[in-house]
Amino acid sequence: MKAPSSARAATTPAAGGPPLLRENIGTIAVLTLDRPQARNSLSEAMLAALRQELERLAADKRIRAVVLAANGPAFSAGHDLKELTAHRADPDQGRGYTRHIMESCSAMMLAILRLPQPVVAAVEATATAAGCQLVATCDLAVASRNAKFSTPGVHIGLFCSTPMVALSRTVARKHAMEMLLTGDMTSADDAYRIGLINRVVEPGAARDEALKLARKIAAKSAAVVRLGKEAFYRQIEMNVVDAYSYANEVMLKNMMARDAEEGMSAFVEKRTPVWEDR
């Protein structure tokens, strides 16, 4: 599949086309995983492409929200096991390469959390292992009714320990443990029920619904959204006393901001606010 004219490749692997496409739709960036023949596995090239594009987005003041989508029969099948097992022949039996991939993947997931702009996953098909981790890491997620989710490593003697980090911070403990211990597929409806995704839509509509959510976010003050996203992830790891203390300081900073002044004035005056993103 060719990228649309407004898309550009984030990086190019040694062979074949780019694994990741980018298209700007107004103030929204759409990133599309584009290795359908490999079920959009998070190969070394894919991880590098995502990390590179996230770095670009973090510095791009024009972009106010991001949609993460995928081409082909899977959203993402997780790590590229062929790539990993090929390094079993290394002198260290692949230990160094595996560490490199796991650290690269963790850095990419953290880059999503630290990105100033919220990220909405648009999931049309299966997301497994680190692919499920990717969905859980995104700030919001929309899924087709045909989509399925799992952390199936336990089936092949490989507990999904790194996907566990994002999963256990997104859904309740017992739901996370059931997915991790059984490796069973979770339907889109059940993923919605346990809080892994925000919306279930008809097949083919995930990208449009994700864009609709992204547009709602993009209409808000970028400065306030950035402040709020950072505060959300910081406070959620604190105890409740520290979280309130931190949130008080965030609220004070927010109240003194130009856009808060404008927003409250617009509310009182019954008009649409004009954001300055500061």
C-alpha atoms as a PDB file:
ATOM      1  CA  MET A   1       0.000   0.000   0.000  1.00  0.00           C
ATOM      2  CA  LYS A   2       1.397   3.386  -0.957  1.00  0.00           C
ATOM      3  CA  ALA A   3       1.452   6.194   1.553  1.00  0.00           C
ATOM      4  CA  PRO A   4      -0.909   9.101   0.821  1.00  0.00           C
ATOM      5  CA  SER A   5       0.734  12.177  -0.598  1.00  0.00           C
ATOM      6  CA  SER A   6       0.711  13.903   2.800  1.00  0.00           C
ATOM      7  CA  ALA A   7       2.427  10.960   4.483  1.00  0.00           C
ATOM      8  CA  ARG A   8       6.117  10.588   5.005  1.00  0.00           C
ATOM      9  CA  ALA A   9       8.257   7.713   6.167  1.00  0.00           C
ATOM     10  CA  ALA A  10       9.704   7.958   9.645  1.00  0.00           C
ATOM     11  CA  THR A  11      12.596   5.670   8.846  1.00  0.00           C
ATOM     12  CA  THR A  12      13.489   3.102   6.208  1.00  0.00           C
ATOM     13  CA  PRO A  13      14.545  -0.471   7.033  1.00  0.00           C
ATOM     14  CA  ALA A  14      17.360  -2.140   5.150  1.00  0.00           C
ATOM     15  CA  ALA A  15      14.958  -3.911   2.806  1.00  0.00           C
ATOM     16  CA  GLY A  16      11.423  -3.083   1.674  1.00  0.00           C
ATOM     17  CA  GLY A  17       9.396   0.034   2.322  1.00  0.00           C
ATOM     18  CA  PRO A  18       9.187   2.111   5.484  1.00  0.00           C
ATOM     19  CA  PRO A  19       7.565   0.339   8.458  1.00  0.00           C
ATOM     20  CA  LEU A  20       5.761   3.478   9.616  1.00  0.00           C
ATOM     21  CA  LEU A  21       3.759   6.105   7.741  1.00  0.00           C
ATOM     22  CA  ARG A  22       2.783   9.576   8.902  1.00  0.00           C
ATOM     23  CA  GLU A  23      -0.060  11.704   7.614  1.00  0.00           C
ATOM     24  CA  ASN A  24      -1.010  15.111   8.988  1.00  0.00           C
ATOM     25  CA  ILE A  25      -4.736  15.856   8.986  1.00  0.00           C
ATOM     26  CA  GLY A  26      -4.941  19.448  10.117  1.00  0.00           C
ATOM     27  CA  THR A  27      -3.517  19.523  13.643  1.00  0.00           C
ATOM     28  CA  ILE A  28      -3.695  15.741  14.039  1.00  0.00           C
ATOM     29  CA  ALA A  29      -0.872  13.358  13.116  1.00  0.00           C
ATOM     30  CA  VAL A  30      -1.853   9.842  12.027  1.00  0.00           C
ATOM     31  CA  LEU A  31       0.904   7.247  12.441  1.00  0.00           C
ATOM     32  CA  THR A  32       0.243   3.965  10.656  1.00  0.00           C
ATOM     33  CA  LEU A  33       2.144   0.735  11.273  1.00  0.00           C
ATOM     34  CA  ASP A  34       2.800  -0.603   7.778  1.00  0.00           C
ATOM     35  CA  ARG A  35       4.378  -4.073   7.934  1.00  0.00           C
ATOM     36  CA  PRO A  36       1.215  -6.081   7.181  1.00  0.00           C
ATOM     37  CA  GLN A  37       3.210  -9.027   5.848  1.00  0.00           C
ATOM     38  CA  ALA A  38       4.821  -9.333   9.305  1.00  0.00           C
ATOM     39  CA  ARG A  39       1.578  -8.567  11.171  1.00  0.00           C
ATOM     40  CA  ASN A  40       3.061  -5.195  12.132  1.00  0.00           C
ATOM     41  CA  SER A  41       5.423  -6.832  14.595  1.00  0.00           C
ATOM     42  CA  LEU A  42       7.539  -4.487  16.690  1.00  0.00           C
ATOM     43  CA  SER A  43      10.783  -5.285  14.920  1.00  0.00           C
ATOM     44  CA  GLU A  44      13.972  -3.350  15.548  1.00  0.00           C
ATOM     45  CA  ALA A  45      13.173  -1.147  12.529  1.00  0.00           C
ATOM     46  CA  MET A  46       9.576  -0.545  13.660  1.00  0.00           C
ATOM     47  CA  LEU A  47      10.671   0.404  17.178  1.00  0.00           C
ATOM     48  CA  ALA A  48      13.285   2.791  15.792  1.00  0.00           C
ATOM     49  CA  ALA A  49      10.731   4.345  13.432  1.00  0.00           C
ATOM     50  CA  LEU A  50       8.204   4.878  16.210  1.00  0.00           C
ATOM     51  CA  ARG A  51      10.789   6.344  18.554  1.00  0.00           C
ATOM     52  CA  GLN A  52      12.072   8.701  15.853  1.00  0.00           C
ATOM     53  CA  GLU A  53       8.602   9.903  14.917  1.00  0.00           C
ATOM     54  CA  LEU A  54       7.591  10.405  18.553  1.00  0.00           C
ATOM     55  CA  GLU A  55      10.664  12.596  19.033  1.00  0.00           C
ATOM     56  CA  ARG A  56       9.622  14.667  16.023  1.00  0.00           C
ATOM     57  CA  LEU A  57       6.063  14.974  17.290  1.00  0.00           C
ATOM     58  CA  ALA A  58       7.188  16.091  20.740  1.00  0.00           C
ATOM     59  CA  ALA A  59       8.859  19.106  19.109  1.00  0.00           C
ATOM     60  CA  ASP A  60       6.047  19.811  16.623  1.00  0.00           C
ATOM     61  CA  LYS A  61       3.891  22.626  18.021  1.00  0.00           C
ATOM     62  CA  ARG A  62       1.443  22.342  15.128  1.00  0.00           C
ATOM     63  CA  ILE A  63       0.273  18.882  16.187  1.00  0.00           C
ATOM     64  CA  ARG A  64      -2.295  18.745  18.993  1.00  0.00           C
ATOM     65  CA  ALA A  65      -3.221  15.036  19.010  1.00  0.00           C
ATOM     66  CA  VAL A  66      -1.995  11.753  17.512  1.00  0.00           C
ATOM     67  CA  VAL A  67      -3.826   8.715  16.114  1.00  0.00           C
ATOM     68  CA  LEU A  68      -1.957   5.399  15.965  1.00  0.00           C
ATOM     69  CA  ALA A  69      -3.370   2.985  13.399  1.00  0.00           C
ATOM     70  CA  ALA A  70      -2.202  -0.054  11.420  1.00  0.00           C
ATOM     71  CA  ASN A  71      -2.537  -1.548   7.946  1.00  0.00           C
ATOM     72  CA  GLY A  72      -3.223  -5.224   7.333  1.00  0.00           C
ATOM     73  CA  PRO A  73      -4.694  -8.222   9.193  1.00  0.00           C
ATOM     74  CA  ALA A  74      -3.252  -7.351  12.628  1.00  0.00           C
ATOM     75  CA  PHE A  75      -2.796  -4.167  14.622  1.00  0.00           C
ATOM     76  CA  SER A  76       0.443  -5.635  15.976  1.00  0.00           C
ATOM     77  CA  ALA A  77       1.545  -9.146  16.840  1.00  0.00           C
ATOM     78  CA  GLY A  78       4.137  -7.881  19.318  1.00  0.00           C
ATOM     79  CA  HIS A  79       7.857  -8.519  19.112  1.00  0.00           C
ATOM     80  CA  ASP A  80       9.340 -10.100  15.989  1.00  0.00           C
ATOM     81  CA  LEU A  81      10.142 -13.598  17.313  1.00  0.00           C
ATOM     82  CA  LYS A  82      12.010 -14.554  14.134  1.00  0.00           C
ATOM     83  CA  GLU A  83      14.310 -11.590  14.638  1.00  0.00           C
ATOM     84  CA  LEU A  84      14.859 -12.484  18.293  1.00  0.00           C
ATOM     85  CA  THR A  85      15.419 -16.221  17.797  1.00  0.00           C
ATOM     86  CA  ALA A  86      17.873 -15.565  14.954  1.00  0.00           C
ATOM     87  CA  HIS A  87      20.228 -14.160  17.578  1.00  0.00           C
ATOM     88  CA  ARG A  88      20.276 -17.413  19.548  1.00  0.00           C
ATOM     89  CA  ALA A  89      23.366 -18.196  17.490  1.00  0.00           C
ATOM     90  CA  ASP A  90      25.208 -15.178  18.933  1.00  0.00           C
ATOM     91  CA  PRO A  91      28.105 -15.936  21.320  1.00  0.00           C
ATOM     92  CA  ASP A  92      25.928 -14.812  24.251  1.00  0.00           C
ATOM     93  CA  GLN A  93      22.916 -16.807  22.916  1.00  0.00           C
ATOM     94  CA  GLY A  94      21.129 -13.572  22.051  1.00  0.00           C
ATOM     95  CA  ARG A  95      21.132 -12.102  25.547  1.00  0.00           C
ATOM     96  CA  GLY A  96      22.581  -8.749  24.466  1.00  0.00           C
ATOM     97  CA  TYR A  97      20.284  -8.375  21.463  1.00  0.00           C
ATOM     98  CA  THR A  98      17.200  -9.321  23.473  1.00  0.00           C
ATOM     99  CA  ARG A  99      18.109  -6.760  26.127  1.00  0.00           C
ATOM    100  CA  HIS A 100      18.550  -4.131  23.390  1.00  0.00           C
ATOM    101  CA  ILE A 101      15.097  -4.871  21.929  1.00  0.00           C
ATOM    102  CA  MET A 102      13.348  -4.894  25.315  1.00  0.00           C
ATOM    103  CA  GLU A 103      15.000  -1.630  26.339  1.00  0.00           C
ATOM    104  CA  SER A 104      14.179  -0.065  22.963  1.00  0.00           C
ATOM    105  CA  CYS A 105      10.548  -1.129  23.297  1.00  0.00           C
ATOM    106  CA  SER A 106      10.282   0.194  26.856  1.00  0.00           C
ATOM    107  CA  ALA A 107      11.824   3.513  25.783  1.00  0.00           C
ATOM    108  CA  MET A 108       9.293   3.799  22.947  1.00  0.00           C
ATOM    109  CA  MET A 109       6.353   3.070  25.290  1.00  0.00           C
ATOM    110  CA  LEU A 110       7.626   5.673  27.749  1.00  0.00           C
ATOM    111  CA  ALA A 111       7.970   8.159  24.884  1.00  0.00           C
ATOM    112  CA  ILE A 112       4.218   7.781  24.240  1.00  0.00           C
ATOM    113  CA  LEU A 113       3.453   8.511  27.897  1.00  0.00           C
ATOM    114  CA  ARG A 114       5.805  11.520  27.872  1.00  0.00           C
ATOM    115  CA  LEU A 115       4.570  12.885  24.552  1.00  0.00           C
ATOM    116  CA  PRO A 116       2.893  16.289  25.078  1.00  0.00           C
ATOM    117  CA  GLN A 117       0.069  15.305  22.733  1.00  0.00           C
ATOM    118  CA  PRO A 118      -2.475  12.595  23.673  1.00  0.00           C
ATOM    119  CA  VAL A 119      -2.296   9.417  21.552  1.00  0.00           C
ATOM    120  CA  VAL A 120      -5.441   7.556  20.441  1.00  0.00           C
ATOM    121  CA  ALA A 121      -5.041   3.965  19.218  1.00  0.00           C
ATOM    122  CA  ALA A 122      -7.302   2.912  16.327  1.00  0.00           C
ATOM    123  CA  VAL A 123      -7.464  -0.891  16.447  1.00  0.00           C
ATOM    124  CA  GLU A 124      -9.156  -2.765  13.594  1.00  0.00           C
ATOM    125  CA  ALA A 125      -7.663  -6.203  14.195  1.00  0.00           C
ATOM    126  CA  THR A 126      -5.723  -8.330  16.658  1.00  0.00           C
ATOM    127  CA  ALA A 127      -3.286  -6.791  19.137  1.00  0.00           C
ATOM    128  CA  THR A 128      -1.201  -9.368  20.961  1.00  0.00           C
ATOM    129  CA  ALA A 129       1.743  -9.382  23.394  1.00  0.00           C
ATOM    130  CA  ALA A 130       3.701  -6.124  22.930  1.00  0.00           C
ATOM    131  CA  GLY A 131       0.984  -5.086  20.455  1.00  0.00           C
ATOM    132  CA  CYS A 132      -1.531  -5.278  23.313  1.00  0.00           C
ATOM    133  CA  GLN A 133       1.003  -3.392  25.433  1.00  0.00           C
ATOM    134  CA  LEU A 134       1.063  -0.663  22.778  1.00  0.00           C
ATOM    135  CA  VAL A 135      -2.736  -0.286  22.949  1.00  0.00           C
ATOM    136  CA  ALA A 136      -2.644  -0.213  26.764  1.00  0.00           C
ATOM    137  CA  THR A 137       0.074   2.455  26.664  1.00  0.00           C
ATOM    138  CA  CYS A 138      -1.846   4.837  24.406  1.00  0.00           C
ATOM    139  CA  ASP A 139      -3.857   7.459  26.277  1.00  0.00           C
ATOM    140  CA  LEU A 140      -7.109   6.419  24.605  1.00  0.00           C
ATOM    141  CA  ALA A 141      -8.113   3.504  22.363  1.00  0.00           C
ATOM    142  CA  VAL A 142     -10.916   2.781  19.904  1.00  0.00           C
ATOM    143  CA  ALA A 143     -11.439  -0.743  18.579  1.00  0.00           C
ATOM    144  CA  SER A 144     -13.449  -2.459  15.899  1.00  0.00           C
ATOM    145  CA  ARG A 145     -15.898  -5.104  17.095  1.00  0.00           C
ATOM    146  CA  ASN A 146     -13.670  -7.593  15.248  1.00  0.00           C
ATOM    147  CA  ALA A 147     -10.567  -6.644  17.240  1.00  0.00           C
ATOM    148  CA  LYS A 148      -9.128  -9.021  19.824  1.00  0.00           C
ATOM    149  CA  PHE A 149      -6.485  -8.587  22.495  1.00  0.00           C
ATOM    150  CA  SER A 150      -4.187 -10.988  24.324  1.00  0.00           C
ATOM    151  CA  THR A 151      -0.907 -11.442  26.159  1.00  0.00           C
ATOM    152  CA  PRO A 152      -0.246 -14.996  24.917  1.00  0.00           C
ATOM    153  CA  GLY A 153       3.403 -15.442  25.878  1.00  0.00           C
ATOM    154  CA  VAL A 154       2.514 -18.027  28.512  1.00  0.00           C
ATOM    155  CA  HIS A 155       1.538 -20.411  25.668  1.00  0.00           C
ATOM    156  CA  ILE A 156       5.140 -20.537  24.473  1.00  0.00           C
ATOM    157  CA  GLY A 157       6.878 -20.441  27.833  1.00  0.00           C
ATOM    158  CA  LEU A 158       7.421 -16.675  27.801  1.00  0.00           C
ATOM    159  CA  PHE A 159       5.423 -14.693  30.380  1.00  0.00           C
ATOM    160  CA  CYS A 160       4.452 -11.283  28.969  1.00  0.00           C
ATOM    161  CA  SER A 161       6.368  -9.373  31.643  1.00  0.00           C
ATOM    162  CA  THR A 162       6.883  -6.096  29.781  1.00  0.00           C
ATOM    163  CA  PRO A 163       3.297  -5.973  28.418  1.00  0.00           C
ATOM    164  CA  MET A 164       2.270  -6.599  32.036  1.00  0.00           C
ATOM    165  CA  VAL A 165       3.563  -3.144  33.024  1.00  0.00           C
ATOM    166  CA  ALA A 166       1.149  -1.264  30.759  1.00  0.00           C
ATOM    167  CA  LEU A 167      -1.704  -3.760  31.148  1.00  0.00           C
ATOM    168  CA  SER A 168      -1.643  -3.735  34.956  1.00  0.00           C
ATOM    169  CA  ARG A 169      -1.746   0.063  34.957  1.00  0.00           C
ATOM    170  CA  THR A 170      -4.729   0.150  32.617  1.00  0.00           C
ATOM    171  CA  VAL A 171      -7.122  -2.574  33.816  1.00  0.00           C
ATOM    172  CA  ALA A 172      -7.911  -3.973  37.264  1.00  0.00           C
ATOM    173  CA  ARG A 173      -5.485  -6.513  38.746  1.00  0.00           C
ATOM    174  CA  LYS A 174      -7.634  -9.604  38.369  1.00  0.00           C
ATOM    175  CA  HIS A 175      -8.452  -8.837  34.747  1.00  0.00           C
ATOM    176  CA  ALA A 176      -4.765  -8.237  34.009  1.00  0.00           C
ATOM    177  CA  MET A 177      -3.753 -11.452  35.771  1.00  0.00           C
ATOM    178  CA  GLU A 178      -6.346 -13.484  33.875  1.00  0.00           C
ATOM    179  CA  MET A 179      -5.051 -12.205  30.539  1.00  0.00           C
ATOM    180  CA  LEU A 180      -1.427 -12.810  31.558  1.00  0.00           C
ATOM    181  CA  LEU A 181      -1.928 -16.252  33.117  1.00  0.00           C
ATOM    182  CA  THR A 182      -4.268 -17.755  30.511  1.00  0.00           C
ATOM    183  CA  GLY A 183      -3.086 -16.032  27.337  1.00  0.00           C
ATOM    184  CA  ASP A 184      -6.693 -16.192  26.119  1.00  0.00           C
ATOM    185  CA  MET A 185      -8.059 -13.801  23.512  1.00  0.00           C
ATOM    186  CA  THR A 186     -10.201 -10.954  24.850  1.00  0.00           C
ATOM    187  CA  SER A 187     -12.976  -9.665  22.602  1.00  0.00           C
ATOM    188  CA  ALA A 188     -13.433  -5.971  21.890  1.00  0.00           C
ATOM    189  CA  ASP A 189     -16.586  -5.941  24.019  1.00  0.00           C
ATOM    190  CA  ASP A 190     -14.733  -7.486  26.967  1.00  0.00           C
ATOM    191  CA  ALA A 191     -11.776  -5.144  26.419  1.00  0.00           C
ATOM    192  CA  TYR A 192     -14.228  -2.257  26.721  1.00  0.00           C
ATOM    193  CA  ARG A 193     -15.806  -3.804  29.827  1.00  0.00           C
ATOM    194  CA  ILE A 194     -12.465  -4.076  31.645  1.00  0.00           C
ATOM    195  CA  GLY A 195     -11.262  -0.631  30.568  1.00  0.00           C
ATOM    196  CA  LEU A 196      -8.587  -1.563  28.043  1.00  0.00           C
ATOM    197  CA  ILE A 197     -10.336   0.473  25.323  1.00  0.00           C
ATOM    198  CA  ASN A 198     -12.686   3.474  25.293  1.00  0.00           C
ATOM    199  CA  ARG A 199     -14.981   2.699  22.359  1.00  0.00           C
ATOM    200  CA  VAL A 200     -16.189  -0.307  20.342  1.00  0.00           C
ATOM    201  CA  VAL A 201     -17.230   0.531  16.783  1.00  0.00           C
ATOM    202  CA  GLU A 202     -18.287  -1.322  13.675  1.00  0.00           C
ATOM    203  CA  PRO A 203     -15.543  -2.882  11.515  1.00  0.00           C
ATOM    204  CA  GLY A 204     -13.751  -0.286   9.409  1.00  0.00           C
ATOM    205  CA  ALA A 205     -14.750   2.633  11.638  1.00  0.00           C
ATOM    206  CA  ALA A 206     -11.947   2.624  14.241  1.00  0.00           C
ATOM    207  CA  ARG A 207      -9.762   5.191  12.466  1.00  0.00           C
ATOM    208  CA  ASP A 208     -12.667   7.613  11.922  1.00  0.00           C
ATOM    209  CA  GLU A 209     -13.788   7.292  15.541  1.00  0.00           C
ATOM    210  CA  ALA A 210     -10.213   7.800  16.755  1.00  0.00           C
ATOM    211  CA  LEU A 211      -9.966  10.923  14.590  1.00  0.00           C
ATOM    212  CA  LYS A 212     -13.239  12.166  16.074  1.00  0.00           C
ATOM    213  CA  LEU A 213     -11.789  11.805  19.577  1.00  0.00           C
ATOM    214  CA  ALA A 214      -8.539  13.427  18.469  1.00  0.00           C
ATOM    215  CA  ARG A 215     -10.421  16.407  17.020  1.00  0.00           C
ATOM    216  CA  LYS A 216     -12.217  16.941  20.329  1.00  0.00           C
ATOM    217  CA  ILE A 217      -8.853  17.025  22.091  1.00  0.00           C
ATOM    218  CA  ALA A 218      -7.309  19.253  19.424  1.00  0.00           C
ATOM    219  CA  ALA A 219     -10.022  21.864  20.034  1.00  0.00           C
ATOM    220  CA  LYS A 220      -8.812  22.364  23.611  1.00  0.00           C
ATOM    221  CA  SER A 221      -5.860  24.440  24.812  1.00  0.00           C
ATOM    222  CA  ALA A 222      -2.695  22.518  23.906  1.00  0.00           C
ATOM    223  CA  ALA A 223      -0.959  23.927  26.982  1.00  0.00           C
ATOM    224  CA  VAL A 224      -3.705  22.704  29.303  1.00  0.00           C
ATOM    225  CA  VAL A 225      -3.851  19.269  27.654  1.00  0.00           C
ATOM    226  CA  ARG A 226      -0.066  18.938  27.932  1.00  0.00           C
ATOM    227  CA  LEU A 227      -0.149  19.935  31.597  1.00  0.00           C
ATOM    228  CA  GLY A 228      -3.014  17.567  32.338  1.00  0.00           C
ATOM    229  CA  LYS A 229      -1.499  14.549  30.598  1.00  0.00           C
ATOM    230  CA  GLU A 230       1.785  14.918  32.437  1.00  0.00           C
ATOM    231  CA  ALA A 231       0.001  15.410  35.765  1.00  0.00           C
ATOM    232  CA  PHE A 232      -2.220  12.360  35.227  1.00  0.00           C
ATOM    233  CA  TYR A 233       0.682   9.954  34.800  1.00  0.00           C
ATOM    234  CA  ARG A 234       2.718  11.484  37.622  1.00  0.00           C
ATOM    235  CA  GLN A 235      -0.029  11.472  40.243  1.00  0.00           C
ATOM    236  CA  ILE A 236      -1.266   7.978  39.465  1.00  0.00           C
ATOM    237  CA  GLU A 237       1.989   6.481  40.762  1.00  0.00           C
ATOM    238  CA  MET A 238       1.802   8.447  44.059  1.00  0.00           C
ATOM    239  CA  ASN A 239       0.026   7.668  47.313  1.00  0.00           C
ATOM    240  CA  VAL A 240      -3.197   9.634  47.752  1.00  0.00           C
ATOM    241  CA  VAL A 241      -1.714  12.234  50.119  1.00  0.00           C
ATOM    242  CA  ASP A 242       1.206  13.032  47.808  1.00  0.00           C
ATOM    243  CA  ALA A 243      -1.120  12.968  44.792  1.00  0.00           C
ATOM    244  CA  TYR A 244      -3.365  15.661  46.305  1.00  0.00           C
ATOM    245  CA  SER A 245      -0.358  17.774  47.277  1.00  0.00           C
ATOM    246  CA  TYR A 246       1.045  17.531  43.754  1.00  0.00           C
ATOM    247  CA  ALA A 247      -2.365  18.152  42.135  1.00  0.00           C
ATOM    248  CA  ASN A 248      -2.817  21.298  44.232  1.00  0.00           C
ATOM    249  CA  GLU A 249       0.384  22.708  42.760  1.00  0.00           C
ATOM    250  CA  VAL A 250      -0.648  21.719  39.237  1.00  0.00           C
ATOM    251  CA  MET A 251      -4.047  23.365  39.738  1.00  0.00           C
ATOM    252  CA  LEU A 252      -2.404  26.563  40.980  1.00  0.00           C
ATOM    253  CA  LYS A 253      -0.072  26.653  37.976  1.00  0.00           C
ATOM    254  CA  ASN A 254      -3.015  25.996  35.651  1.00  0.00           C
ATOM    255  CA  MET A 255      -5.182  28.708  37.235  1.00  0.00           C
ATOM    256  CA  MET A 256      -2.445  31.286  36.622  1.00  0.00           C
ATOM    257  CA  ALA A 257      -2.147  30.333  32.944  1.00  0.00           C
ATOM    258  CA  ARG A 258      -3.370  32.651  30.182  1.00  0.00           C
ATOM    259  CA  ASP A 259      -5.702  30.018  28.698  1.00  0.00           C
ATOM    260  CA  ALA A 260      -7.405  29.359  32.051  1.00  0.00           C
ATOM    261  CA  GLU A 261      -8.092  33.088  32.358  1.00  0.00           C
ATOM    262  CA  GLU A 262      -9.448  33.125  28.800  1.00  0.00           C
ATOM    263  CA  GLY A 263     -11.516  29.967  29.284  1.00  0.00           C
ATOM    264  CA  MET A 264     -13.222  31.208  32.450  1.00  0.00           C
ATOM    265  CA  SER A 265     -13.898  34.616  30.904  1.00  0.00           C
ATOM    266  CA  ALA A 266     -15.387  32.964  27.826  1.00  0.00           C
ATOM    267  CA  PHE A 267     -17.613  30.773  30.015  1.00  0.00           C
ATOM    268  CA  VAL A 268     -18.937  33.784  31.960  1.00  0.00           C
ATOM    269  CA  GLU A 269     -19.407  35.792  28.766  1.00  0.00           C
ATOM    270  CA  LYS A 270     -21.034  32.832  26.963  1.00  0.00           C
ATOM    271  CA  ARG A 271     -18.627  32.846  24.020  1.00  0.00           C
ATOM    272  CA  THR A 272     -16.124  30.463  22.452  1.00  0.00           C
ATOM    273  CA  PRO A 273     -12.662  30.755  24.015  1.00  0.00           C
ATOM    274  CA  VAL A 274      -9.675  31.754  21.878  1.00  0.00           C
ATOM    275  CA  TRP A 275      -6.704  29.699  23.006  1.00  0.00           C
ATOM    276  CA  GLU A 276      -3.155  31.010  22.973  1.00  0.00           C
ATOM    277  CA  ASP A 277      -1.709  27.697  24.189  1.00  0.00           C
ATOM    278  CA  ARG A 278      -0.041  29.264  27.203  1.00  0.00           C
END
